[in-house]
Amino acid sequence: MVLEHGFAYGSKGNSLVGKQVMTAITTGGSQDAYQPGGFNQYTIRQYLVPFERTVTLCKMEYLPPFVIHGTHLITPEDHNTHAGSYKKVLIALRDNIFDLDEIMKHKYMNDLHELKKKNN
């Protein structure tokens, strides 16, 4: 019901305008497997195009995804590191710490630590 015409999209569907959407996914394959010429032939962003189109139809901001590759190989320590990174990303988004234009230049939200904080 949220993505309904007249609420989320259409000439009067402006209820979601400006909201931010980020996908968080895991893959068994390496990042190299998700490249043109790699095992899966396409990038993660290419696989997520239908989600991006839905988000933009609803006039929302589609953020780069948070992606963890090679999950079958991660250690408990890696798991904790990834969980901590994801938490930091969510807090940064909640607190509007980073500039949206800068965020949009990155492939993955995992790269957020590379961004400069606003007003620095």
PDB file of N, CA and C in Angstrom:
ATOM      1  N   MET A   1       0.814  -1.198   0.000  1.00  0.00           N
ATOM      2  CA  MET A   1       0.000   0.000   0.000  1.00  0.00           C
ATOM      3  C   MET A   1       0.866   1.274   0.000  1.00  0.00           C
ATOM      4  N   VAL A   2       2.088   1.183   0.505  1.00  0.00           N
ATOM      5  CA  VAL A   2       2.947   2.367   0.566  1.00  0.00           C
ATOM      6  C   VAL A   2       3.307   2.850  -0.831  1.00  0.00           C
ATOM      7  N   LEU A   3       3.587   1.949  -1.747  1.00  0.00           N
ATOM      8  CA  LEU A   3       3.992   2.338  -3.091  1.00  0.00           C
ATOM      9  C   LEU A   3       2.793   2.487  -4.020  1.00  0.00           C
ATOM     10  N   GLU A   4       1.739   3.003  -3.521  1.00  0.00           N
ATOM     11  CA  GLU A   4       0.496   3.151  -4.254  1.00  0.00           C
ATOM     12  C   GLU A   4       0.466   4.460  -5.045  1.00  0.00           C
ATOM     13  N   HIS A   5      -0.136   4.392  -6.244  1.00  0.00           N
ATOM     14  CA  HIS A   5      -0.322   5.587  -7.068  1.00  0.00           C
ATOM     15  C   HIS A   5      -1.135   6.612  -6.284  1.00  0.00           C
ATOM     16  N   GLY A   6      -0.719   7.851  -6.364  1.00  0.00           N
ATOM     17  CA  GLY A   6      -1.409   8.914  -5.638  1.00  0.00           C
ATOM     18  C   GLY A   6      -0.847   9.130  -4.241  1.00  0.00           C
ATOM     19  N   PHE A   7      -0.080   8.173  -3.755  1.00  0.00           N
ATOM     20  CA  PHE A   7       0.602   8.333  -2.463  1.00  0.00           C
ATOM     21  C   PHE A   7       2.109   8.425  -2.692  1.00  0.00           C
ATOM     22  N   ALA A   8       2.672   7.426  -3.350  1.00  0.00           N
ATOM     23  CA  ALA A   8       4.115   7.360  -3.548  1.00  0.00           C
ATOM     24  C   ALA A   8       4.565   7.913  -4.900  1.00  0.00           C
ATOM     25  N   TYR A   9       3.714   7.856  -5.884  1.00  0.00           N
ATOM     26  CA  TYR A   9       4.083   8.337  -7.212  1.00  0.00           C
ATOM     27  C   TYR A   9       2.841   8.833  -7.924  1.00  0.00           C
ATOM     28  N   GLY A  10       3.062   9.417  -9.086  1.00  0.00           N
ATOM     29  CA  GLY A  10       1.972  10.026  -9.837  1.00  0.00           C
ATOM     30  C   GLY A  10       1.933  11.525  -9.560  1.00  0.00           C
ATOM     31  N   SER A  11       1.019  12.220 -10.213  1.00  0.00           N
ATOM     32  CA  SER A  11       0.987  13.683 -10.089  1.00  0.00           C
ATOM     33  C   SER A  11       0.718  14.155  -8.668  1.00  0.00           C
ATOM     34  N   LYS A  12      -0.002  13.378  -7.889  1.00  0.00           N
ATOM     35  CA  LYS A  12      -0.279  13.763  -6.498  1.00  0.00           C
ATOM     36  C   LYS A  12       0.461  12.884  -5.489  1.00  0.00           C
ATOM     37  N   GLY A  13       1.274  11.979  -5.979  1.00  0.00           N
ATOM     38  CA  GLY A  13       1.996  11.054  -5.105  1.00  0.00           C
ATOM     39  C   GLY A  13       3.330  11.607  -4.669  1.00  0.00           C
ATOM     40  N   ASN A  14       3.305  12.432  -3.650  1.00  0.00           N
ATOM     41  CA  ASN A  14       4.523  13.096  -3.191  1.00  0.00           C
ATOM     42  C   ASN A  14       4.866  12.780  -1.735  1.00  0.00           C
ATOM     43  N   SER A  15       4.296  11.754  -1.181  1.00  0.00           N
ATOM     44  CA  SER A  15       4.491  11.463   0.244  1.00  0.00           C
ATOM     45  C   SER A  15       5.893  10.973   0.583  1.00  0.00           C
ATOM     46  N   LEU A  16       6.613  10.476  -0.399  1.00  0.00           N
ATOM     47  CA  LEU A  16       7.946   9.929  -0.132  1.00  0.00           C
ATOM     48  C   LEU A  16       9.075  10.791  -0.689  1.00  0.00           C
ATOM     49  N   VAL A  17       8.750  11.944  -1.223  1.00  0.00           N
ATOM     50  CA  VAL A  17       9.745  12.815  -1.845  1.00  0.00           C
ATOM     51  C   VAL A  17      10.892  13.104  -0.872  1.00  0.00           C
ATOM     52  N   GLY A  18      12.107  12.891  -1.369  1.00  0.00           N
ATOM     53  CA  GLY A  18      13.293  13.229  -0.598  1.00  0.00           C
ATOM     54  C   GLY A  18      13.744  12.180   0.417  1.00  0.00           C
ATOM     55  N   LYS A  19      12.957  11.156   0.635  1.00  0.00           N
ATOM     56  CA  LYS A  19      13.368  10.096   1.566  1.00  0.00           C
ATOM     57  C   LYS A  19      14.560   9.356   0.963  1.00  0.00           C
ATOM     58  N   GLN A  20      15.423   8.844   1.809  1.00  0.00           N
ATOM     59  CA  GLN A  20      16.587   8.111   1.349  1.00  0.00           C
ATOM     60  C   GLN A  20      16.358   6.612   1.475  1.00  0.00           C
ATOM     61  N   VAL A  21      16.821   5.870   0.468  1.00  0.00           N
ATOM     62  CA  VAL A  21      16.698   4.416   0.454  1.00  0.00           C
ATOM     63  C   VAL A  21      18.074   3.816   0.177  1.00  0.00           C
ATOM     64  N   MET A  22      18.442   2.850   1.001  1.00  0.00           N
ATOM     65  CA  MET A  22      19.709   2.148   0.828  1.00  0.00           C
ATOM     66  C   MET A  22      19.448   0.652   0.961  1.00  0.00           C
ATOM     67  N   THR A  23      19.962  -0.126   0.023  1.00  0.00           N
ATOM     68  CA  THR A  23      19.874  -1.571   0.143  1.00  0.00           C
ATOM     69  C   THR A  23      21.126  -2.070   0.863  1.00  0.00           C
ATOM     70  N   ALA A  24      20.961  -3.103   1.641  1.00  0.00           N
ATOM     71  CA  ALA A  24      22.081  -3.764   2.306  1.00  0.00           C
ATOM     72  C   ALA A  24      22.017  -5.228   1.910  1.00  0.00           C
ATOM     73  N   ILE A  25      23.068  -5.710   1.268  1.00  0.00           N
ATOM     74  CA  ILE A  25      23.048  -7.075   0.760  1.00  0.00           C
ATOM     75  C   ILE A  25      24.366  -7.786   1.045  1.00  0.00           C
ATOM     76  N   THR A  26      24.288  -9.101   0.991  1.00  0.00           N
ATOM     77  CA  THR A  26      25.483  -9.928   1.087  1.00  0.00           C
ATOM     78  C   THR A  26      25.545 -10.815  -0.147  1.00  0.00           C
ATOM     79  N   THR A  27      26.765 -11.176  -0.514  1.00  0.00           N
ATOM     80  CA  THR A  27      26.957 -12.092  -1.631  1.00  0.00           C
ATOM     81  C   THR A  27      27.965 -13.161  -1.232  1.00  0.00           C
ATOM     82  N   GLY A  28      27.828 -14.327  -1.809  1.00  0.00           N
ATOM     83  CA  GLY A  28      28.826 -15.359  -1.602  1.00  0.00           C
ATOM     84  C   GLY A  28      30.043 -15.107  -2.469  1.00  0.00           C
ATOM     85  N   GLY A  29      29.816 -14.442  -3.600  1.00  0.00           N
ATOM     86  CA  GLY A  29      30.907 -14.176  -4.541  1.00  0.00           C
ATOM     87  C   GLY A  29      31.745 -12.985  -4.143  1.00  0.00           C
ATOM     88  N   SER A  30      32.937 -12.947  -4.676  1.00  0.00           N
ATOM     89  CA  SER A  30      33.847 -11.822  -4.426  1.00  0.00           C
ATOM     90  C   SER A  30      33.387 -10.591  -5.199  1.00  0.00           C
ATOM     91  N   GLN A  31      33.974  -9.458  -4.861  1.00  0.00           N
ATOM     92  CA  GLN A  31      33.646  -8.234  -5.592  1.00  0.00           C
ATOM     93  C   GLN A  31      34.059  -8.381  -7.058  1.00  0.00           C
ATOM     94  N   ASP A  32      35.160  -9.070  -7.319  1.00  0.00           N
ATOM     95  CA  ASP A  32      35.608  -9.288  -8.697  1.00  0.00           C
ATOM     96  C   ASP A  32      34.601 -10.093  -9.512  1.00  0.00           C
ATOM     97  N   ALA A  33      33.842 -10.954  -8.851  1.00  0.00           N
ATOM     98  CA  ALA A  33      32.836 -11.756  -9.556  1.00  0.00           C
ATOM     99  C   ALA A  33      31.684 -10.895 -10.064  1.00  0.00           C
ATOM    100  N   TYR A  34      31.512  -9.721  -9.473  1.00  0.00           N
ATOM    101  CA  TYR A  34      30.419  -8.812  -9.845  1.00  0.00           C
ATOM    102  C   TYR A  34      30.950  -7.633 -10.659  1.00  0.00           C
ATOM    103  N   GLN A  35      31.616  -7.965 -11.743  1.00  0.00           N
ATOM    104  CA  GLN A  35      32.156  -6.980 -12.671  1.00  0.00           C
ATOM    105  C   GLN A  35      31.913  -7.481 -14.088  1.00  0.00           C
ATOM    106  N   PRO A  36      31.860  -6.587 -15.063  1.00  0.00           N
ATOM    107  CA  PRO A  36      31.802  -7.060 -16.447  1.00  0.00           C
ATOM    108  C   PRO A  36      33.004  -7.977 -16.704  1.00  0.00           C
ATOM    109  N   GLY A  37      32.743  -9.136 -17.222  1.00  0.00           N
ATOM    110  CA  GLY A  37      33.804 -10.107 -17.447  1.00  0.00           C
ATOM    111  C   GLY A  37      34.034 -11.041 -16.270  1.00  0.00           C
ATOM    112  N   GLY A  38      33.455 -10.704 -15.115  1.00  0.00           N
ATOM    113  CA  GLY A  38      33.563 -11.568 -13.942  1.00  0.00           C
ATOM    114  C   GLY A  38      32.544 -12.695 -14.019  1.00  0.00           C
ATOM    115  N   PHE A  39      32.555 -13.561 -13.036  1.00  0.00           N
ATOM    116  CA  PHE A  39      31.685 -14.731 -13.032  1.00  0.00           C
ATOM    117  C   PHE A  39      30.209 -14.367 -13.221  1.00  0.00           C
ATOM    118  N   ASN A  40      29.738 -13.302 -12.564  1.00  0.00           N
ATOM    119  CA  ASN A  40      28.329 -12.916 -12.647  1.00  0.00           C
ATOM    120  C   ASN A  40      28.029 -11.899 -13.748  1.00  0.00           C
ATOM    121  N   GLN A  41      29.051 -11.427 -14.434  1.00  0.00           N
ATOM    122  CA  GLN A  41      28.940 -10.561 -15.613  1.00  0.00           C
ATOM    123  C   GLN A  41      28.456  -9.129 -15.349  1.00  0.00           C
ATOM    124  N   TYR A  42      27.807  -8.891 -14.237  1.00  0.00           N
ATOM    125  CA  TYR A  42      27.238  -7.573 -13.967  1.00  0.00           C
ATOM    126  C   TYR A  42      27.673  -7.076 -12.596  1.00  0.00           C
ATOM    127  N   THR A  43      27.625  -5.771 -12.429  1.00  0.00           N
ATOM    128  CA  THR A  43      27.943  -5.193 -11.126  1.00  0.00           C
ATOM    129  C   THR A  43      26.734  -5.321 -10.203  1.00  0.00           C
ATOM    130  N   ILE A  44      26.988  -5.174  -8.933  1.00  0.00           N
ATOM    131  CA  ILE A  44      25.890  -5.185  -7.960  1.00  0.00           C
ATOM    132  C   ILE A  44      24.899  -4.082  -8.310  1.00  0.00           C
ATOM    133  N   ARG A  45      25.389  -2.907  -8.659  1.00  0.00           N
ATOM    134  CA  ARG A  45      24.497  -1.793  -9.007  1.00  0.00           C
ATOM    135  C   ARG A  45      23.603  -2.157 -10.190  1.00  0.00           C
ATOM    136  N   GLN A  46      24.121  -2.893 -11.149  1.00  0.00           N
ATOM    137  CA  GLN A  46      23.304  -3.314 -12.290  1.00  0.00           C
ATOM    138  C   GLN A  46      22.204  -4.287 -11.854  1.00  0.00           C
ATOM    139  N   TYR A  47      22.508  -5.172 -10.933  1.00  0.00           N
ATOM    140  CA  TYR A  47      21.488  -6.087 -10.421  1.00  0.00           C
ATOM    141  C   TYR A  47      20.398  -5.338  -9.650  1.00  0.00           C
ATOM    142  N   LEU A  48      20.734  -4.191  -9.104  1.00  0.00           N
ATOM    143  CA  LEU A  48      19.789  -3.438  -8.273  1.00  0.00           C
ATOM    144  C   LEU A  48      19.001  -2.373  -9.038  1.00  0.00           C
ATOM    145  N   VAL A  49      19.169  -2.304 -10.348  1.00  0.00           N
ATOM    146  CA  VAL A  49      18.476  -1.285 -11.150  1.00  0.00           C
ATOM    147  C   VAL A  49      16.957  -1.273 -10.929  1.00  0.00           C
ATOM    148  N   PRO A  50      16.263  -2.408 -10.848  1.00  0.00           N
ATOM    149  CA  PRO A  50      14.814  -2.332 -10.610  1.00  0.00           C
ATOM    150  C   PRO A  50      14.454  -1.633  -9.290  1.00  0.00           C
ATOM    151  N   PHE A  51      15.255  -1.849  -8.266  1.00  0.00           N
ATOM    152  CA  PHE A  51      15.018  -1.152  -6.995  1.00  0.00           C
ATOM    153  C   PHE A  51      15.248   0.346  -7.161  1.00  0.00           C
ATOM    154  N   GLU A  52      16.332   0.683  -7.846  1.00  0.00           N
ATOM    155  CA  GLU A  52      16.650   2.094  -8.073  1.00  0.00           C
ATOM    156  C   GLU A  52      15.537   2.787  -8.854  1.00  0.00           C
ATOM    157  N   ARG A  53      15.009   2.134  -9.869  1.00  0.00           N
ATOM    158  CA  ARG A  53      13.940   2.730 -10.676  1.00  0.00           C
ATOM    159  C   ARG A  53      12.678   2.952  -9.842  1.00  0.00           C
ATOM    160  N   THR A  54      12.354   1.996  -8.979  1.00  0.00           N
ATOM    161  CA  THR A  54      11.189   2.154  -8.110  1.00  0.00           C
ATOM    162  C   THR A  54      11.372   3.341  -7.174  1.00  0.00           C
ATOM    163  N   VAL A  55      12.548   3.446  -6.605  1.00  0.00           N
ATOM    164  CA  VAL A  55      12.853   4.544  -5.684  1.00  0.00           C
ATOM    165  C   VAL A  55      12.773   5.885  -6.400  1.00  0.00           C
ATOM    166  N   THR A  56      13.361   5.979  -7.589  1.00  0.00           N
ATOM    167  CA  THR A  56      13.325   7.260  -8.297  1.00  0.00           C
ATOM    168  C   THR A  56      11.923   7.589  -8.802  1.00  0.00           C
ATOM    169  N   LEU A  57      11.138   6.589  -9.144  1.00  0.00           N
ATOM    170  CA  LEU A  57       9.744   6.827  -9.516  1.00  0.00           C
ATOM    171  C   LEU A  57       8.992   7.513  -8.378  1.00  0.00           C
ATOM    172  N   CYS A  58       9.337   7.135  -7.172  1.00  0.00           N
ATOM    173  CA  CYS A  58       8.682   7.702  -5.985  1.00  0.00           C
ATOM    174  C   CYS A  58       9.364   8.976  -5.496  1.00  0.00           C
ATOM    175  N   LYS A  59      10.277   9.503  -6.308  1.00  0.00           N
ATOM    176  CA  LYS A  59      10.970  10.769  -6.031  1.00  0.00           C
ATOM    177  C   LYS A  59      11.794  10.722  -4.751  1.00  0.00           C
ATOM    178  N   MET A  60      12.338   9.540  -4.465  1.00  0.00           N
ATOM    179  CA  MET A  60      13.223   9.372  -3.318  1.00  0.00           C
ATOM    180  C   MET A  60      14.669   9.360  -3.799  1.00  0.00           C
ATOM    181  N   GLU A  61      15.603   9.410  -2.861  1.00  0.00           N
ATOM    182  CA  GLU A  61      17.031   9.361  -3.160  1.00  0.00           C
ATOM    183  C   GLU A  61      17.511   7.920  -3.010  1.00  0.00           C
ATOM    184  N   TYR A  62      18.055   7.338  -4.080  1.00  0.00           N
ATOM    185  CA  TYR A  62      18.589   5.982  -4.025  1.00  0.00           C
ATOM    186  C   TYR A  62      20.076   6.057  -3.726  1.00  0.00           C
ATOM    187  N   LEU A  63      20.454   5.637  -2.551  1.00  0.00           N
ATOM    188  CA  LEU A  63      21.843   5.692  -2.114  1.00  0.00           C
ATOM    189  C   LEU A  63      22.605   4.460  -2.616  1.00  0.00           C
ATOM    190  N   PRO A  64      23.922   4.562  -2.688  1.00  0.00           N
ATOM    191  CA  PRO A  64      24.700   3.368  -3.035  1.00  0.00           C
ATOM    192  C   PRO A  64      24.411   2.255  -2.013  1.00  0.00           C
ATOM    193  N   PRO A  65      24.509   1.006  -2.427  1.00  0.00           N
ATOM    194  CA  PRO A  65      24.213  -0.082  -1.502  1.00  0.00           C
ATOM    195  C   PRO A  65      25.350  -0.325  -0.503  1.00  0.00           C
ATOM    196  N   PHE A  66      25.004  -0.947   0.603  1.00  0.00           N
ATOM    197  CA  PHE A  66      26.001  -1.459   1.545  1.00  0.00           C
ATOM    198  C   PHE A  66      26.141  -2.935   1.202  1.00  0.00           C
ATOM    199  N   VAL A  67      27.334  -3.359   0.795  1.00  0.00           N
ATOM    200  CA  VAL A  67      27.522  -4.711   0.275  1.00  0.00           C
ATOM    201  C   VAL A  67      28.662  -5.418   0.999  1.00  0.00           C
ATOM    202  N   ILE A  68      28.404  -6.644   1.389  1.00  0.00           N
ATOM    203  CA  ILE A  68      29.450  -7.501   1.947  1.00  0.00           C
ATOM    204  C   ILE A  68      29.599  -8.688   1.005  1.00  0.00           C
ATOM    205  N   HIS A  69      30.771  -8.800   0.428  1.00  0.00           N
ATOM    206  CA  HIS A  69      31.068  -9.881  -0.513  1.00  0.00           C
ATOM    207  C   HIS A  69      31.739 -11.056   0.201  1.00  0.00           C
ATOM    208  N   GLY A  70      31.612 -12.222  -0.395  1.00  0.00           N
ATOM    209  CA  GLY A  70      32.326 -13.406   0.078  1.00  0.00           C
ATOM    210  C   GLY A  70      31.946 -13.833   1.484  1.00  0.00           C
ATOM    211  N   THR A  71      30.667 -13.804   1.776  1.00  0.00           N
ATOM    212  CA  THR A  71      30.220 -14.063   3.143  1.00  0.00           C
ATOM    213  C   THR A  71      30.543 -15.470   3.626  1.00  0.00           C
ATOM    214  N   HIS A  72      30.691 -16.401   2.732  1.00  0.00           N
ATOM    215  CA  HIS A  72      31.019 -17.767   3.158  1.00  0.00           C
ATOM    216  C   HIS A  72      32.451 -17.883   3.678  1.00  0.00           C
ATOM    217  N   LEU A  73      33.248 -16.852   3.477  1.00  0.00           N
ATOM    218  CA  LEU A  73      34.641 -16.870   3.909  1.00  0.00           C
ATOM    219  C   LEU A  73      34.919 -15.972   5.119  1.00  0.00           C
ATOM    220  N   ILE A  74      33.920 -15.226   5.566  1.00  0.00           N
ATOM    221  CA  ILE A  74      34.211 -14.281   6.642  1.00  0.00           C
ATOM    222  C   ILE A  74      34.312 -14.988   7.992  1.00  0.00           C
ATOM    223  N   THR A  75      35.154 -14.432   8.821  1.00  0.00           N
ATOM    224  CA  THR A  75      35.376 -14.951  10.173  1.00  0.00           C
ATOM    225  C   THR A  75      34.430 -14.233  11.130  1.00  0.00           C
ATOM    226  N   PRO A  76      34.308 -14.725  12.345  1.00  0.00           N
ATOM    227  CA  PRO A  76      33.509 -13.983  13.341  1.00  0.00           C
ATOM    228  C   PRO A  76      34.026 -12.556  13.541  1.00  0.00           C
ATOM    229  N   GLU A  77      35.317 -12.375  13.460  1.00  0.00           N
ATOM    230  CA  GLU A  77      35.885 -11.029  13.599  1.00  0.00           C
ATOM    231  C   GLU A  77      35.463 -10.142  12.423  1.00  0.00           C
ATOM    232  N   ASP A  78      35.486 -10.718  11.219  1.00  0.00           N
ATOM    233  CA  ASP A  78      35.028  -9.981  10.030  1.00  0.00           C
ATOM    234  C   ASP A  78      33.556  -9.599  10.193  1.00  0.00           C
ATOM    235  N   HIS A  79      32.783 -10.545  10.689  1.00  0.00           N
ATOM    236  CA  HIS A  79      31.352 -10.295  10.906  1.00  0.00           C
ATOM    237  C   HIS A  79      31.167  -9.094  11.825  1.00  0.00           C
ATOM    238  N   ASN A  80      31.907  -9.049  12.902  1.00  0.00           N
ATOM    239  CA  ASN A  80      31.805  -7.928  13.840  1.00  0.00           C
ATOM    240  C   ASN A  80      32.248  -6.615  13.198  1.00  0.00           C
ATOM    241  N   THR A  81      33.294  -6.691  12.386  1.00  0.00           N
ATOM    242  CA  THR A  81      33.770  -5.487  11.693  1.00  0.00           C
ATOM    243  C   THR A  81      32.709  -4.957  10.733  1.00  0.00           C
ATOM    244  N   HIS A  82      32.110  -5.858   9.946  1.00  0.00           N
ATOM    245  CA  HIS A  82      31.073  -5.442   8.994  1.00  0.00           C
ATOM    246  C   HIS A  82      29.845  -4.890   9.732  1.00  0.00           C
ATOM    247  N   ALA A  83      29.467  -5.542  10.806  1.00  0.00           N
ATOM    248  CA  ALA A  83      28.317  -5.066  11.584  1.00  0.00           C
ATOM    249  C   ALA A  83      28.597  -3.675  12.145  1.00  0.00           C
ATOM    250  N   GLY A  84      29.807  -3.460  12.621  1.00  0.00           N
ATOM    251  CA  GLY A  84      30.180  -2.142  13.137  1.00  0.00           C
ATOM    252  C   GLY A  84      30.165  -1.084  12.051  1.00  0.00           C
ATOM    253  N   SER A  85      30.650  -1.439  10.860  1.00  0.00           N
ATOM    254  CA  SER A  85      30.639  -0.497   9.729  1.00  0.00           C
ATOM    255  C   SER A  85      29.216  -0.144   9.325  1.00  0.00           C
ATOM    256  N   TYR A  86      28.357  -1.149   9.298  1.00  0.00           N
ATOM    257  CA  TYR A  86      26.962  -0.910   8.931  1.00  0.00           C
ATOM    258  C   TYR A  86      26.297   0.019   9.952  1.00  0.00           C
ATOM    259  N   LYS A  87      26.554  -0.215  11.212  1.00  0.00           N
ATOM    260  CA  LYS A  87      26.006   0.639  12.262  1.00  0.00           C
ATOM    261  C   LYS A  87      26.485   2.077  12.083  1.00  0.00           C
ATOM    262  N   LYS A  88      27.769   2.259  11.784  1.00  0.00           N
ATOM    263  CA  LYS A  88      28.310   3.612  11.579  1.00  0.00           C
ATOM    264  C   LYS A  88      27.647   4.303  10.391  1.00  0.00           C
ATOM    265  N   VAL A  89      27.409   3.544   9.329  1.00  0.00           N
ATOM    266  CA  VAL A  89      26.747   4.116   8.152  1.00  0.00           C
ATOM    267  C   VAL A  89      25.332   4.574   8.514  1.00  0.00           C
ATOM    268  N   LEU A  90      24.600   3.733   9.211  1.00  0.00           N
ATOM    269  CA  LEU A  90      23.230   4.093   9.595  1.00  0.00           C
ATOM    270  C   LEU A  90      23.205   5.322  10.502  1.00  0.00           C
ATOM    271  N   ILE A  91      24.116   5.390  11.439  1.00  0.00           N
ATOM    272  CA  ILE A  91      24.176   6.551  12.335  1.00  0.00           C
ATOM    273  C   ILE A  91      24.535   7.805  11.546  1.00  0.00           C
ATOM    274  N   ALA A  92      25.501   7.694  10.637  1.00  0.00           N
ATOM    275  CA  ALA A  92      25.897   8.848   9.820  1.00  0.00           C
ATOM    276  C   ALA A  92      24.734   9.346   8.972  1.00  0.00           C
ATOM    277  N   LEU A  93      23.954   8.424   8.411  1.00  0.00           N
ATOM    278  CA  LEU A  93      22.782   8.828   7.622  1.00  0.00           C
ATOM    279  C   LEU A  93      21.727   9.462   8.518  1.00  0.00           C
ATOM    280  N   ARG A  94      21.477   8.839   9.649  1.00  0.00           N
ATOM    281  CA  ARG A  94      20.481   9.380  10.586  1.00  0.00           C
ATOM    282  C   ARG A  94      20.840  10.799  11.015  1.00  0.00           C
ATOM    283  N   ASP A  95      22.119  11.006  11.292  1.00  0.00           N
ATOM    284  CA  ASP A  95      22.578  12.298  11.813  1.00  0.00           C
ATOM    285  C   ASP A  95      22.980  13.272  10.718  1.00  0.00           C
ATOM    286  N   ASN A  96      22.791  12.866   9.455  1.00  0.00           N
ATOM    287  CA  ASN A  96      23.072  13.736   8.310  1.00  0.00           C
ATOM    288  C   ASN A  96      24.509  14.270   8.367  1.00  0.00           C
ATOM    289  N   ILE A  97      25.445  13.376   8.645  1.00  0.00           N
ATOM    290  CA  ILE A  97      26.843  13.764   8.834  1.00  0.00           C
ATOM    291  C   ILE A  97      27.554  14.055   7.514  1.00  0.00           C
ATOM    292  N   PHE A  98      27.221  13.305   6.475  1.00  0.00           N
ATOM    293  CA  PHE A  98      27.943  13.426   5.216  1.00  0.00           C
ATOM    294  C   PHE A  98      27.109  14.107   4.142  1.00  0.00           C
ATOM    295  N   ASP A  99      27.794  14.761   3.231  1.00  0.00           N
ATOM    296  CA  ASP A  99      27.172  15.459   2.124  1.00  0.00           C
ATOM    297  C   ASP A  99      26.616  14.450   1.111  1.00  0.00           C
ATOM    298  N   LEU A 100      25.355  14.573   0.767  1.00  0.00           N
ATOM    299  CA  LEU A 100      24.695  13.641  -0.142  1.00  0.00           C
ATOM    300  C   LEU A 100      25.386  13.586  -1.506  1.00  0.00           C
ATOM    301  N   ASP A 101      25.827  14.716  -2.021  1.00  0.00           N
ATOM    302  CA  ASP A 101      26.503  14.721  -3.323  1.00  0.00           C
ATOM    303  C   ASP A 101      27.778  13.888  -3.284  1.00  0.00           C
ATOM    304  N   GLU A 102      28.491  13.943  -2.170  1.00  0.00           N
ATOM    305  CA  GLU A 102      29.708  13.139  -2.025  1.00  0.00           C
ATOM    306  C   GLU A 102      29.371  11.664  -1.901  1.00  0.00           C
ATOM    307  N   ILE A 103      28.341  11.337  -1.134  1.00  0.00           N
ATOM    308  CA  ILE A 103      27.926   9.945  -0.972  1.00  0.00           C
ATOM    309  C   ILE A 103      27.615   9.333  -2.337  1.00  0.00           C
ATOM    310  N   MET A 104      26.927  10.084  -3.168  1.00  0.00           N
ATOM    311  CA  MET A 104      26.465   9.564  -4.450  1.00  0.00           C
ATOM    312  C   MET A 104      27.605   9.258  -5.423  1.00  0.00           C
ATOM    313  N   LYS A 105      28.795   9.749  -5.165  1.00  0.00           N
ATOM    314  CA  LYS A 105      29.943   9.480  -6.026  1.00  0.00           C
ATOM    315  C   LYS A 105      30.555   8.107  -5.758  1.00  0.00           C
ATOM    316  N   HIS A 106      30.144   7.452  -4.692  1.00  0.00           N
ATOM    317  CA  HIS A 106      30.761   6.188  -4.298  1.00  0.00           C
ATOM    318  C   HIS A 106      29.978   4.985  -4.791  1.00  0.00           C
ATOM    319  N   LYS A 107      30.707   3.907  -5.004  1.00  0.00           N
ATOM    320  CA  LYS A 107      30.131   2.657  -5.488  1.00  0.00           C
ATOM    321  C   LYS A 107      29.288   1.990  -4.404  1.00  0.00           C
ATOM    322  N   TYR A 108      29.830   1.933  -3.194  1.00  0.00           N
ATOM    323  CA  TYR A 108      29.168   1.288  -2.063  1.00  0.00           C
ATOM    324  C   TYR A 108      29.150   2.226  -0.864  1.00  0.00           C
ATOM    325  N   MET A 109      28.145   2.065  -0.034  1.00  0.00           N
ATOM    326  CA  MET A 109      28.090   2.835   1.214  1.00  0.00           C
ATOM    327  C   MET A 109      29.203   2.406   2.161  1.00  0.00           C
ATOM    328  N   ASN A 110      29.766   1.239   1.955  1.00  0.00           N
ATOM    329  CA  ASN A 110      30.891   0.783   2.765  1.00  0.00           C
ATOM    330  C   ASN A 110      32.047   1.772   2.681  1.00  0.00           C
ATOM    331  N   ASP A 111      32.091   2.565   1.630  1.00  0.00           N
ATOM    332  CA  ASP A 111      33.159   3.540   1.428  1.00  0.00           C
ATOM    333  C   ASP A 111      32.919   4.830   2.211  1.00  0.00           C
ATOM    334  N   LEU A 112      31.883   4.874   2.995  1.00  0.00           N
ATOM    335  CA  LEU A 112      31.507   6.099   3.702  1.00  0.00           C
ATOM    336  C   LEU A 112      32.647   6.643   4.552  1.00  0.00           C
ATOM    337  N   HIS A 113      33.462   5.760   5.113  1.00  0.00           N
ATOM    338  CA  HIS A 113      34.566   6.218   5.954  1.00  0.00           C
ATOM    339  C   HIS A 113      35.555   7.079   5.176  1.00  0.00           C
ATOM    340  N   GLU A 114      35.530   6.980   3.855  1.00  0.00           N
ATOM    341  CA  GLU A 114      36.428   7.775   3.021  1.00  0.00           C
ATOM    342  C   GLU A 114      35.926   9.195   2.795  1.00  0.00           C
ATOM    343  N   LEU A 115      34.679   9.435   3.107  1.00  0.00           N
ATOM    344  CA  LEU A 115      34.099  10.755   2.864  1.00  0.00           C
ATOM    345  C   LEU A 115      34.487  11.734   3.954  1.00  0.00           C
ATOM    346  N   LYS A 116      34.567  12.978   3.580  1.00  0.00           N
ATOM    347  CA  LYS A 116      34.826  14.025   4.555  1.00  0.00           C
ATOM    348  C   LYS A 116      33.519  14.427   5.214  1.00  0.00           C
ATOM    349  N   LYS A 117      33.591  14.669   6.490  1.00  0.00           N
ATOM    350  CA  LYS A 117      32.406  15.115   7.203  1.00  0.00           C
ATOM    351  C   LYS A 117      32.053  16.523   6.752  1.00  0.00           C
ATOM    352  N   LYS A 118      30.775  16.851   6.841  1.00  0.00           N
ATOM    353  CA  LYS A 118      30.325  18.191   6.511  1.00  0.00           C
ATOM    354  C   LYS A 118      31.034  19.190   7.421  1.00  0.00           C
ATOM    355  N   ASN A 119      31.295  20.372   6.889  1.00  0.00           N
ATOM    356  CA  ASN A 119      31.876  21.469   7.651  1.00  0.00           C
ATOM    357  C   ASN A 119      33.285  21.156   8.154  1.00  0.00           C
ATOM    358  N   ASN A 120      33.996  20.259   7.522  1.00  0.00           N
ATOM    359  CA  ASN A 120      35.401  19.970   7.899  1.00  0.00           C
ATOM    360  C   ASN A 120      36.326  20.428   6.815  1.00  0.00           C
TER     361      ASN A 120
END
